[in-house]
């Protein structure tokens, strides 16, 4: 039995930010997104708490930097990449509030458009 791979869709702004990541970091994040599209979860992906179920964060430590890709698995039939950013640590491991606000607003818009 072949598994159904879901399409990966991007919010345009998230794609633009993602393209600024180093190529190796992009490759590692894309591998994790592909695992999600195939119905499993990469080791570097974890649920993003406080945003409801089905929202995950790929947390990639890379050459002293931290890269994050936020994706949702429960919107329409695709995996939606909502946000990508390089985390500049100001409060330890916590995701900065302005990033959370941006993710929440993009999630809301996406659900309105596709809902």
N, C-alpha and C. Protein backbone atom coordinates (compact mmCIF):
# COMPACT_ATOMS: atom_id res chain seq x y z
N UNK A 1 0.84 -1.19 0.00
CA UNK A 1 0.00 0.00 0.00
C UNK A 1 0.89 1.25 0.00
N UNK A 2 0.62 2.15 -0.92
CA UNK A 2 1.42 3.38 -0.96
C UNK A 2 0.78 4.44 -0.07
N UNK A 3 1.64 5.14 0.62
CA UNK A 3 1.15 6.21 1.48
C UNK A 3 0.90 7.46 0.66
N UNK A 4 -0.10 8.20 1.04
CA UNK A 4 -0.42 9.44 0.33
C UNK A 4 0.45 10.57 0.89
N UNK A 5 1.24 11.20 0.04
CA UNK A 5 2.02 12.34 0.48
C UNK A 5 1.20 13.59 0.23
N UNK A 6 1.06 14.41 1.28
CA UNK A 6 0.28 15.63 1.15
C UNK A 6 1.13 16.74 0.55
N UNK A 7 0.50 17.65 -0.19
CA UNK A 7 1.28 18.77 -0.73
C UNK A 7 1.74 19.71 0.38
N UNK A 8 2.85 20.38 0.15
CA UNK A 8 3.34 21.38 1.09
C UNK A 8 3.08 22.75 0.46
N UNK A 9 2.29 23.57 1.15
CA UNK A 9 1.97 24.92 0.66
C UNK A 9 2.63 25.95 1.56
N UNK A 10 2.92 27.10 0.98
CA UNK A 10 3.65 28.14 1.72
C UNK A 10 2.88 29.45 1.71
N UNK A 11 2.86 30.12 2.85
CA UNK A 11 2.45 31.52 2.85
C UNK A 11 3.65 32.26 2.25
N UNK A 12 3.37 33.16 1.31
CA UNK A 12 4.42 33.82 0.54
C UNK A 12 5.52 34.44 1.42
N UNK A 13 5.12 35.14 2.46
CA UNK A 13 6.10 35.79 3.34
C UNK A 13 6.99 34.76 4.04
N UNK A 14 6.41 33.61 4.40
CA UNK A 14 7.19 32.55 5.05
C UNK A 14 8.23 32.00 4.07
N UNK A 15 7.82 31.84 2.82
CA UNK A 15 8.74 31.33 1.78
C UNK A 15 9.92 32.28 1.60
N UNK A 16 9.62 33.58 1.57
CA UNK A 16 10.67 34.60 1.40
C UNK A 16 11.68 34.54 2.53
N UNK A 17 11.19 34.44 3.77
CA UNK A 17 12.08 34.35 4.92
C UNK A 17 12.90 33.07 4.87
N UNK A 18 12.24 31.97 4.51
CA UNK A 18 12.89 30.67 4.44
C UNK A 18 14.07 30.70 3.45
N UNK A 19 13.87 31.40 2.35
CA UNK A 19 14.91 31.46 1.32
C UNK A 19 16.16 32.22 1.78
N UNK A 20 16.07 32.91 2.91
CA UNK A 20 17.24 33.61 3.46
C UNK A 20 18.08 32.69 4.35
N UNK A 21 17.54 31.52 4.71
CA UNK A 21 18.30 30.56 5.53
C UNK A 21 19.49 30.06 4.72
N UNK A 22 20.56 29.65 5.41
CA UNK A 22 21.66 28.98 4.69
C UNK A 22 21.12 27.73 3.97
N UNK A 23 21.68 27.41 2.81
CA UNK A 23 21.20 26.29 2.01
C UNK A 23 21.11 24.99 2.80
N UNK A 24 22.14 24.70 3.61
CA UNK A 24 22.13 23.46 4.39
C UNK A 24 20.96 23.44 5.38
N UNK A 25 20.67 24.59 5.98
CA UNK A 25 19.55 24.69 6.94
C UNK A 25 18.23 24.49 6.19
N UNK A 26 18.12 25.06 5.00
CA UNK A 26 16.92 24.87 4.18
C UNK A 26 16.72 23.39 3.89
N UNK A 27 17.79 22.71 3.49
CA UNK A 27 17.71 21.29 3.15
C UNK A 27 17.21 20.47 4.33
N UNK A 28 17.73 20.74 5.52
CA UNK A 28 17.33 19.99 6.71
C UNK A 28 15.86 20.25 7.06
N UNK A 29 15.44 21.50 6.94
CA UNK A 29 14.05 21.85 7.24
C UNK A 29 13.10 21.23 6.20
N UNK A 30 13.50 21.25 4.94
CA UNK A 30 12.67 20.64 3.89
C UNK A 30 12.53 19.13 4.11
N UNK A 31 13.58 18.49 4.59
CA UNK A 31 13.50 17.06 4.89
C UNK A 31 12.46 16.82 5.99
N UNK A 32 12.45 17.68 7.00
CA UNK A 32 11.48 17.55 8.10
C UNK A 32 10.06 17.81 7.59
N UNK A 33 9.89 18.79 6.70
CA UNK A 33 8.57 19.07 6.11
C UNK A 33 8.09 17.88 5.27
N UNK A 34 9.02 17.27 4.55
CA UNK A 34 8.67 16.11 3.73
C UNK A 34 8.19 14.96 4.63
N UNK A 35 8.84 14.77 5.77
CA UNK A 35 8.39 13.73 6.71
C UNK A 35 6.97 14.03 7.17
N UNK A 36 6.68 15.31 7.44
CA UNK A 36 5.33 15.70 7.86
C UNK A 36 4.33 15.41 6.74
N UNK A 37 4.72 15.72 5.51
CA UNK A 37 3.83 15.50 4.36
C UNK A 37 3.55 14.01 4.17
N UNK A 38 4.48 13.17 4.61
CA UNK A 38 4.32 11.72 4.49
C UNK A 38 3.61 11.12 5.71
N UNK A 39 3.23 11.99 6.66
CA UNK A 39 2.45 11.52 7.79
C UNK A 39 3.25 11.16 9.03
N UNK A 40 4.55 11.43 9.03
CA UNK A 40 5.31 11.17 10.25
C UNK A 40 5.87 12.49 10.77
N UNK A 41 6.78 12.43 11.72
CA UNK A 41 7.32 13.65 12.30
C UNK A 41 8.82 13.51 12.46
N UNK A 42 9.54 14.52 12.02
CA UNK A 42 11.00 14.51 12.16
C UNK A 42 11.39 14.75 13.61
N UNK A 43 12.59 14.32 13.97
CA UNK A 43 13.09 14.51 15.34
C UNK A 43 13.17 15.98 15.72
N UNK A 44 13.39 16.86 14.74
CA UNK A 44 13.55 18.28 15.05
C UNK A 44 12.21 19.03 15.05
N UNK A 45 11.11 18.30 14.85
CA UNK A 45 9.79 18.94 14.87
C UNK A 45 9.08 18.61 16.18
N UNK A 46 8.38 19.62 16.71
CA UNK A 46 7.60 19.38 17.93
C UNK A 46 6.36 20.26 17.91
N UNK A 47 5.31 19.85 18.63
CA UNK A 47 4.11 20.69 18.66
C UNK A 47 4.45 22.08 19.23
N UNK A 48 3.88 23.11 18.64
CA UNK A 48 4.07 24.47 19.14
C UNK A 48 2.92 24.74 20.11
N UNK A 49 3.24 24.82 21.37
CA UNK A 49 2.22 24.92 22.40
C UNK A 49 1.50 26.26 22.37
N UNK A 50 0.23 26.21 22.73
CA UNK A 50 -0.54 27.43 22.87
C UNK A 50 -1.22 27.90 21.61
N UNK A 51 -1.07 27.16 20.51
CA UNK A 51 -1.69 27.60 19.25
C UNK A 51 -2.71 26.58 18.75
N UNK A 52 -3.14 25.69 19.62
CA UNK A 52 -4.09 24.68 19.19
C UNK A 52 -3.36 23.47 18.63
N UNK A 53 -4.12 22.40 18.39
CA UNK A 53 -3.47 21.19 17.89
C UNK A 53 -3.15 21.34 16.41
N UNK A 54 -2.19 20.58 15.96
CA UNK A 54 -1.86 20.57 14.54
C UNK A 54 -0.89 21.64 14.09
N UNK A 55 -0.35 22.42 15.05
CA UNK A 55 0.66 23.42 14.69
C UNK A 55 2.00 22.95 15.25
N UNK A 56 2.98 22.84 14.37
CA UNK A 56 4.28 22.30 14.74
C UNK A 56 5.39 23.30 14.44
N UNK A 57 6.49 23.10 15.17
CA UNK A 57 7.66 23.94 14.99
C UNK A 57 8.84 23.05 14.67
N UNK A 58 9.53 23.35 13.59
CA UNK A 58 10.80 22.70 13.30
C UNK A 58 11.85 23.59 13.94
N UNK A 59 12.57 23.03 14.89
CA UNK A 59 13.59 23.79 15.62
C UNK A 59 14.95 23.26 15.21
N UNK A 60 15.67 24.04 14.45
CA UNK A 60 16.95 23.58 13.91
C UNK A 60 18.11 24.41 14.45
N UNK A 61 18.91 23.81 15.35
CA UNK A 61 20.13 24.50 15.74
C UNK A 61 21.14 24.30 14.62
N UNK A 62 21.74 25.38 14.15
CA UNK A 62 22.62 25.26 12.99
C UNK A 62 23.76 26.27 13.09
N UNK A 63 24.98 25.79 13.24
CA UNK A 63 26.17 26.64 13.29
C UNK A 63 26.02 27.83 14.24
N UNK A 64 25.54 27.55 15.44
CA UNK A 64 25.43 28.60 16.44
C UNK A 64 24.18 29.46 16.31
N UNK A 65 23.38 29.21 15.28
CA UNK A 65 22.13 29.94 15.10
C UNK A 65 20.96 29.00 15.34
N UNK A 66 19.79 29.57 15.47
CA UNK A 66 18.59 28.75 15.64
C UNK A 66 17.60 29.16 14.57
N UNK A 67 17.18 28.20 13.76
CA UNK A 67 16.20 28.47 12.71
C UNK A 67 14.89 27.79 13.06
N UNK A 68 13.79 28.44 12.76
CA UNK A 68 12.47 27.91 13.08
C UNK A 68 11.58 27.94 11.84
N UNK A 69 10.85 26.86 11.63
CA UNK A 69 9.83 26.81 10.58
C UNK A 69 8.56 26.33 11.27
N UNK A 70 7.49 27.11 11.14
CA UNK A 70 6.22 26.78 11.77
C UNK A 70 5.27 26.28 10.69
N UNK A 71 4.66 25.12 10.93
CA UNK A 71 3.73 24.59 9.93
C UNK A 71 2.48 24.04 10.60
N UNK A 72 1.40 24.01 9.84
CA UNK A 72 0.12 23.50 10.33
C UNK A 72 -0.28 22.30 9.49
N UNK A 73 -0.81 21.26 10.17
CA UNK A 73 -1.17 20.04 9.45
C UNK A 73 -2.68 19.87 9.32
N UNK A 74 -3.47 20.75 9.91
CA UNK A 74 -4.92 20.53 9.90
C UNK A 74 -5.69 21.58 9.11
N UNK A 75 -5.05 22.23 8.17
CA UNK A 75 -5.74 23.22 7.34
C UNK A 75 -5.83 22.68 5.92
N UNK A 76 -7.05 22.54 5.43
CA UNK A 76 -7.28 21.97 4.09
C UNK A 76 -6.54 20.63 3.97
N UNK A 77 -6.08 20.28 2.79
CA UNK A 77 -5.46 18.97 2.62
C UNK A 77 -3.95 19.05 2.54
N UNK A 78 -3.40 20.25 2.72
CA UNK A 78 -1.96 20.43 2.58
C UNK A 78 -1.30 20.64 3.94
N UNK A 79 0.02 20.55 3.93
CA UNK A 79 0.83 20.99 5.07
C UNK A 79 1.10 22.47 4.76
N UNK A 80 0.73 23.36 5.65
CA UNK A 80 0.92 24.79 5.40
C UNK A 80 2.08 25.34 6.20
N UNK A 81 3.06 25.91 5.51
CA UNK A 81 4.16 26.57 6.19
C UNK A 81 3.72 28.01 6.45
N UNK A 82 3.64 28.35 7.74
CA UNK A 82 3.05 29.61 8.15
C UNK A 82 4.10 30.68 8.39
N UNK A 83 5.25 30.25 8.90
CA UNK A 83 6.27 31.23 9.26
C UNK A 83 7.64 30.56 9.28
N UNK A 84 8.66 31.32 8.94
CA UNK A 84 10.04 30.85 9.03
C UNK A 84 10.86 32.03 9.53
N UNK A 85 11.73 31.77 10.50
CA UNK A 85 12.55 32.86 11.01
C UNK A 85 13.81 32.32 11.66
N UNK A 86 14.79 33.21 11.74
CA UNK A 86 16.00 32.89 12.48
C UNK A 86 15.77 33.45 13.88
N UNK A 87 15.90 32.58 14.86
CA UNK A 87 15.63 32.99 16.23
C UNK A 87 16.87 33.64 16.81
N UNK A 88 16.71 34.88 17.19
CA UNK A 88 17.78 35.61 17.87
C UNK A 88 17.41 35.53 19.34
N UNK A 89 18.14 34.75 20.08
CA UNK A 89 17.73 34.46 21.45
C UNK A 89 17.88 35.67 22.37
N UNK A 90 16.74 36.13 22.88
CA UNK A 90 16.77 37.19 23.88
C UNK A 90 16.22 36.67 25.20
N UNK A 91 15.34 35.65 25.12
CA UNK A 91 14.82 35.08 26.37
C UNK A 91 14.98 33.57 26.38
N UNK A 92 16.18 33.09 26.18
CA UNK A 92 16.40 31.65 26.23
C UNK A 92 15.65 30.91 25.13
N UNK A 93 14.97 29.81 25.51
CA UNK A 93 14.37 28.96 24.47
C UNK A 93 12.97 29.41 24.07
N UNK A 94 12.42 30.39 24.77
CA UNK A 94 11.05 30.82 24.50
C UNK A 94 10.97 31.53 23.15
N UNK A 95 9.94 31.22 22.37
CA UNK A 95 9.73 31.92 21.10
C UNK A 95 9.26 33.34 21.42
N UNK A 96 9.90 34.36 20.84
CA UNK A 96 9.52 35.74 21.14
C UNK A 96 8.04 36.02 20.84
N UNK A 97 7.42 36.86 21.68
CA UNK A 97 5.99 37.14 21.56
C UNK A 97 5.61 37.70 20.20
N UNK A 98 6.44 38.57 19.62
CA UNK A 98 6.08 39.14 18.32
C UNK A 98 6.01 38.06 17.24
N UNK A 99 6.83 37.00 17.38
CA UNK A 99 6.77 35.89 16.42
C UNK A 99 5.47 35.10 16.61
N UNK A 100 5.10 34.87 17.89
CA UNK A 100 3.85 34.16 18.20
C UNK A 100 2.65 34.94 17.65
N UNK A 101 2.66 36.27 17.84
CA UNK A 101 1.57 37.11 17.34
C UNK A 101 1.45 36.99 15.81
N UNK A 102 2.58 37.01 15.14
CA UNK A 102 2.60 36.90 13.68
C UNK A 102 2.05 35.53 13.24
N UNK A 103 2.49 34.48 13.92
CA UNK A 103 2.00 33.13 13.61
C UNK A 103 0.49 33.04 13.81
N UNK A 104 0.00 33.58 14.93
CA UNK A 104 -1.44 33.55 15.21
C UNK A 104 -2.23 34.29 14.15
N UNK A 105 -1.74 35.45 13.74
CA UNK A 105 -2.46 36.23 12.75
C UNK A 105 -2.46 35.54 11.37
N UNK A 106 -1.34 34.93 11.00
CA UNK A 106 -1.29 34.21 9.72
C UNK A 106 -2.18 32.97 9.74
N UNK A 107 -2.20 32.27 10.88
CA UNK A 107 -3.06 31.09 11.03
C UNK A 107 -4.53 31.47 10.85
N UNK A 108 -4.91 32.56 11.50
CA UNK A 108 -6.28 33.04 11.44
C UNK A 108 -6.67 33.39 10.00
N UNK A 109 -5.81 34.12 9.33
CA UNK A 109 -6.06 34.51 7.93
C UNK A 109 -6.20 33.28 7.03
N UNK A 110 -5.30 32.33 7.23
CA UNK A 110 -5.30 31.12 6.41
C UNK A 110 -6.60 30.35 6.60
N UNK A 111 -7.03 30.21 7.85
CA UNK A 111 -8.27 29.49 8.14
C UNK A 111 -9.48 30.21 7.55
N UNK A 112 -9.44 31.54 7.53
CA UNK A 112 -10.54 32.31 6.94
C UNK A 112 -10.59 32.10 5.43
N UNK A 113 -9.43 32.12 4.80
CA UNK A 113 -9.36 31.96 3.35
C UNK A 113 -9.72 30.54 2.91
N UNK A 114 -9.21 29.53 3.66
CA UNK A 114 -9.39 28.14 3.25
C UNK A 114 -10.54 27.43 3.96
N UNK A 115 -11.01 28.03 5.08
CA UNK A 115 -12.00 27.40 5.92
C UNK A 115 -13.23 27.03 5.17
